[in-house]
């Protein structure tokens, strides 16, 4: 998932474990959607730190800059609050299949997408500067 300090949300869901291949696909997708060079703020997921991913970032330095969050600091990651909100909304869901679960998750992220003010609050809650954003 990619979120911006002005409240835009972009989601890319994978039905597998997250690998370097998934990370690179998502980065390319977000870069096309957002259109400007990206500052990517990552947790310490192995796929984020892998040789394949770091080589990709290095070969596209004009498109991506990377900053890592401290280990075990989900409170500093506004994306974690987005995920928590979606999980709460799905707490009582009883999907009949993986496809149903995928649809439910996409629906809830779609609902969150329509409330950019919440995403802006998630950035503020994490103590991140969102200057110039109402």
Protein backbone atom coordinates (compact mmCIF):
# COMPACT_ATOMS: atom_id res chain seq x y z
CA UNK A 1 0.00 0.00 0.00
CA UNK A 2 1.11 3.54 -0.66
CA UNK A 3 -0.30 6.53 1.17
CA UNK A 4 0.53 10.17 0.72
CA UNK A 5 0.53 12.96 3.32
CA UNK A 6 -2.37 14.62 1.48
CA UNK A 7 -4.53 11.54 2.08
CA UNK A 8 -4.29 9.59 -1.15
CA UNK A 9 -4.22 5.81 -0.86
CA UNK A 10 -3.03 3.33 -3.46
CA UNK A 11 -3.33 -0.38 -2.81
CA UNK A 12 -1.73 -3.33 -4.49
CA UNK A 13 -2.72 -6.72 -3.05
CA UNK A 14 -0.90 -9.98 -3.55
CA UNK A 15 -2.20 -13.46 -2.75
CA UNK A 16 1.25 -14.79 -1.94
CA UNK A 17 3.95 -14.10 0.61
CA UNK A 18 5.53 -10.75 -0.11
CA UNK A 19 8.74 -11.24 -2.06
CA UNK A 20 11.14 -8.89 -3.79
CA UNK A 21 9.22 -9.50 -7.02
CA UNK A 22 6.00 -8.29 -5.34
CA UNK A 23 7.75 -5.26 -3.86
CA UNK A 24 9.18 -4.24 -7.23
CA UNK A 25 5.81 -4.71 -8.97
CA UNK A 26 4.18 -2.53 -6.31
CA UNK A 27 6.87 0.16 -6.60
CA UNK A 28 6.40 0.34 -10.35
CA UNK A 29 2.62 0.51 -9.94
CA UNK A 30 2.80 3.30 -7.34
CA UNK A 31 5.30 5.29 -9.39
CA UNK A 32 2.98 5.14 -12.43
CA UNK A 33 -0.06 6.11 -10.35
CA UNK A 34 1.53 8.91 -8.33
CA UNK A 35 3.67 10.21 -11.17
CA UNK A 36 6.44 11.86 -9.18
CA UNK A 37 9.58 10.44 -7.62
CA UNK A 38 8.73 8.64 -4.39
CA UNK A 39 10.13 8.64 -0.91
CA UNK A 40 9.52 5.07 0.19
CA UNK A 41 9.29 4.59 3.95
CA UNK A 42 9.68 0.94 4.85
CA UNK A 43 9.60 -1.29 7.83
CA UNK A 44 12.23 -4.02 8.16
CA UNK A 45 10.51 -6.68 6.03
CA UNK A 46 13.09 -8.96 4.44
CA UNK A 47 11.68 -8.32 0.94
CA UNK A 48 12.31 -4.58 1.44
CA UNK A 49 15.97 -5.18 2.35
CA UNK A 50 16.78 -7.94 -0.13
CA UNK A 51 19.59 -7.64 -2.66
CA UNK A 52 17.10 -7.78 -5.56
CA UNK A 53 15.04 -4.92 -4.13
CA UNK A 54 18.03 -2.77 -3.19
CA UNK A 55 19.56 -3.31 -6.63
CA UNK A 56 16.28 -2.25 -8.24
CA UNK A 57 16.12 0.90 -6.12
CA UNK A 58 19.78 1.70 -6.88
CA UNK A 59 19.16 1.33 -10.62
CA UNK A 60 16.15 3.68 -10.39
CA UNK A 61 17.59 6.27 -8.01
CA UNK A 62 15.82 9.09 -9.88
CA UNK A 63 12.44 7.46 -9.13
CA UNK A 64 12.82 6.23 -5.53
CA UNK A 65 14.49 7.26 -2.31
CA UNK A 66 14.23 4.93 0.68
CA UNK A 67 14.00 5.58 4.41
CA UNK A 68 13.63 2.80 6.95
CA UNK A 69 11.53 2.97 10.08
CA UNK A 70 13.16 1.83 13.30
CA UNK A 71 12.63 -1.83 14.13
CA UNK A 72 9.42 -2.56 16.05
CA UNK A 73 7.93 0.91 15.62
CA UNK A 74 4.48 0.44 14.06
CA UNK A 75 3.27 3.61 15.80
CA UNK A 76 5.56 5.59 13.47
CA UNK A 77 4.05 4.06 10.33
CA UNK A 78 0.79 5.68 9.17
CA UNK A 79 0.17 2.67 6.94
CA UNK A 80 -0.19 0.47 10.03
CA UNK A 81 -3.13 2.59 11.17
CA UNK A 82 -4.76 2.15 7.76
CA UNK A 83 -4.31 -1.61 8.04
CA UNK A 84 -5.68 -1.64 11.60
CA UNK A 85 -8.78 0.28 10.53
CA UNK A 86 -9.46 -2.15 7.67
CA UNK A 87 -8.90 -5.16 9.96
CA UNK A 88 -11.36 -3.74 12.53
CA UNK A 89 -13.95 -3.25 9.80
CA UNK A 90 -13.51 -6.89 8.76
CA UNK A 91 -13.39 -8.32 12.29
CA UNK A 92 -16.70 -10.16 12.01
CA UNK A 93 -16.47 -11.05 8.33
CA UNK A 94 -16.92 -14.68 7.36
CA UNK A 95 -15.57 -14.95 3.84
CA UNK A 96 -16.32 -18.23 2.13
CA UNK A 97 -13.14 -18.23 0.07
CA UNK A 98 -9.87 -16.43 -0.53
CA UNK A 99 -11.60 -14.57 -3.36
CA UNK A 100 -14.27 -13.35 -0.93
CA UNK A 101 -11.60 -12.23 1.54
CA UNK A 102 -9.79 -10.39 -1.24
CA UNK A 103 -13.00 -8.61 -2.27
CA UNK A 104 -13.77 -7.63 1.34
CA UNK A 105 -10.29 -6.21 1.86
CA UNK A 106 -10.44 -4.25 -1.41
CA UNK A 107 -13.87 -2.90 -0.46
CA UNK A 108 -12.65 -1.69 2.94
CA UNK A 109 -9.54 -0.07 1.46
CA UNK A 110 -11.85 1.56 -1.10
CA UNK A 111 -13.94 3.00 1.73
CA UNK A 112 -10.85 4.34 3.45
CA UNK A 113 -9.71 5.86 0.16
CA UNK A 114 -12.85 8.03 0.18
CA UNK A 115 -11.77 9.57 3.52
CA UNK A 116 -8.41 11.23 2.89
CA UNK A 117 -8.81 13.31 6.05
CA UNK A 118 -8.38 10.11 8.08
CA UNK A 119 -5.13 9.27 6.31
CA UNK A 120 -3.85 12.80 7.00
CA UNK A 121 -4.67 12.23 10.69
CA UNK A 122 -2.69 8.98 10.62
CA UNK A 123 0.38 10.95 9.46
CA UNK A 124 -0.13 13.54 12.19
CA UNK A 125 -0.62 10.82 14.82
CA UNK A 126 2.73 9.32 13.79
CA UNK A 127 4.31 12.76 14.33
CA UNK A 128 5.10 13.23 10.66
CA UNK A 129 5.01 16.68 9.16
CA UNK A 130 2.16 17.30 6.75
CA UNK A 131 2.72 21.00 6.24
CA UNK A 132 0.60 22.61 3.59
CA UNK A 133 -2.11 19.96 3.99
CA UNK A 134 -5.48 21.15 5.34
